[in-house]
């Protein structure tokens, strides 16, 4: 459910308003427990997404950074490496459960 909530600050080129809004939408969905609001709740739901988008945009504009900007390619590579590490850890755990410990 939170696949679009990701690191967005300090990129070159900068994150777009759409990327920030997509993350805000996922955040509101997660916290409200609603994938799609009813007609009665649509206005409140959309207002929350818009408010969070505006707040995060102001936050990004006011943050000071000292390091070089991130690149999407480097972040994608880091995510792939984390995924491979998680897979290896899961494989190791499963194998430990499948192979009984040696008996003396």
Protein backbone atom coordinates (compact mmCIF):
# COMPACT_ATOMS: atom_id res chain seq x y z
CA UNK A 1 0.00 0.00 0.00
CA UNK A 2 2.91 2.40 0.61
CA UNK A 3 4.85 1.75 -2.57
CA UNK A 4 4.90 5.45 -3.53
CA UNK A 5 6.12 6.69 -0.18
CA UNK A 6 9.80 7.05 -0.89
CA UNK A 7 12.71 9.38 -0.49
CA UNK A 8 11.95 12.54 -2.47
CA UNK A 9 14.13 15.28 -1.03
CA UNK A 10 17.37 16.61 -2.53
CA UNK A 11 17.26 15.07 -6.00
CA UNK A 12 18.60 16.37 -9.28
CA UNK A 13 16.31 17.01 -11.05
CA UNK A 14 14.06 17.90 -8.07
CA UNK A 15 11.03 15.80 -7.22
CA UNK A 16 7.92 16.89 -9.06
CA UNK A 17 4.69 18.02 -7.43
CA UNK A 18 3.09 14.85 -8.83
CA UNK A 19 5.66 12.64 -7.07
CA UNK A 20 5.06 14.46 -3.80
CA UNK A 21 1.27 14.23 -4.27
CA UNK A 22 1.47 10.49 -5.03
CA UNK A 23 3.32 9.94 -1.75
CA UNK A 24 0.81 12.14 0.11
CA UNK A 25 -2.04 10.10 -1.38
CA UNK A 26 -0.46 6.83 -0.23
CA UNK A 27 0.09 8.32 3.23
CA UNK A 28 -3.55 9.38 3.56
CA UNK A 29 -4.73 5.99 2.27
CA UNK A 30 -2.56 4.19 4.80
CA UNK A 31 -3.60 6.28 7.79
CA UNK A 32 -7.29 6.44 6.90
CA UNK A 33 -7.52 2.78 5.92
CA UNK A 34 -9.35 3.81 2.75
CA UNK A 35 -8.12 3.08 -0.73
CA UNK A 36 -10.94 5.10 -2.25
CA UNK A 37 -13.10 7.39 -0.08
CA UNK A 38 -16.87 7.38 -0.26
CA UNK A 39 -18.62 10.36 -1.79
CA UNK A 40 -19.33 11.66 1.71
CA UNK A 41 -15.62 11.55 2.60
CA UNK A 42 -14.10 12.54 -0.74
CA UNK A 43 -13.75 16.25 0.06
CA UNK A 44 -12.01 15.62 3.40
CA UNK A 45 -9.78 12.97 1.84
CA UNK A 46 -8.70 15.20 -1.06
CA UNK A 47 -8.15 18.16 1.28
CA UNK A 48 -5.87 16.03 3.43
CA UNK A 49 -3.85 14.97 0.36
CA UNK A 50 -3.60 18.59 -0.82
CA UNK A 51 -2.60 19.83 2.64
CA UNK A 52 0.11 17.21 3.03
CA UNK A 53 1.42 17.91 -0.48
CA UNK A 54 1.65 21.64 0.30
CA UNK A 55 3.28 21.01 3.69
CA UNK A 56 5.93 18.69 2.25
CA UNK A 57 6.63 21.13 -0.59
CA UNK A 58 7.20 23.91 1.97
CA UNK A 59 9.38 21.58 4.03
CA UNK A 60 11.56 20.70 1.03
CA UNK A 61 11.87 24.38 0.12
CA UNK A 62 13.05 25.28 3.62
CA UNK A 63 15.48 22.39 4.28
CA UNK A 64 19.17 23.16 4.03
CA UNK A 65 21.43 20.54 2.49
CA UNK A 66 25.20 20.32 2.37
CA UNK A 67 25.84 17.20 0.32
CA UNK A 68 25.56 16.69 -3.39
CA UNK A 69 22.06 16.01 -4.76
CA UNK A 70 20.92 12.41 -5.05
CA UNK A 71 20.26 10.78 -8.38
CA UNK A 72 17.31 8.53 -9.07
CA UNK A 73 19.61 5.97 -10.68
CA UNK A 74 21.82 5.71 -7.57
CA UNK A 75 18.77 5.42 -5.28
CA UNK A 76 17.29 2.73 -7.54
CA UNK A 77 20.56 0.79 -7.39
CA UNK A 78 20.64 1.06 -3.57
CA UNK A 79 17.06 -0.22 -3.39
CA UNK A 80 17.92 -3.17 -5.63
CA UNK A 81 20.93 -4.00 -3.46
CA UNK A 82 18.77 -3.85 -0.30
CA UNK A 83 16.27 -6.17 -1.99
CA UNK A 84 18.97 -8.68 -2.88
CA UNK A 85 20.29 -8.59 0.68
CA UNK A 86 16.76 -9.19 2.05
CA UNK A 87 16.30 -12.13 -0.34
CA UNK A 88 19.57 -13.67 0.79
CA UNK A 89 18.63 -13.26 4.46
CA UNK A 90 15.23 -14.87 3.82
CA UNK A 91 16.85 -17.75 1.92
CA UNK A 92 19.26 -18.32 4.81
CA UNK A 93 16.42 -18.32 7.36
CA UNK A 94 14.36 -20.76 5.31
CA UNK A 95 17.30 -23.10 4.81
CA UNK A 96 18.04 -23.07 8.54
CA UNK A 97 14.48 -24.18 9.22
CA UNK A 98 14.61 -26.90 6.56
CA UNK A 99 17.97 -28.42 7.50
CA UNK A 100 17.98 -29.92 10.97
CA UNK A 101 20.99 -29.15 13.15
CA UNK A 102 23.69 -31.85 13.14
CA UNK A 103 23.42 -34.37 15.92
CA UNK A 104 26.43 -35.41 17.96
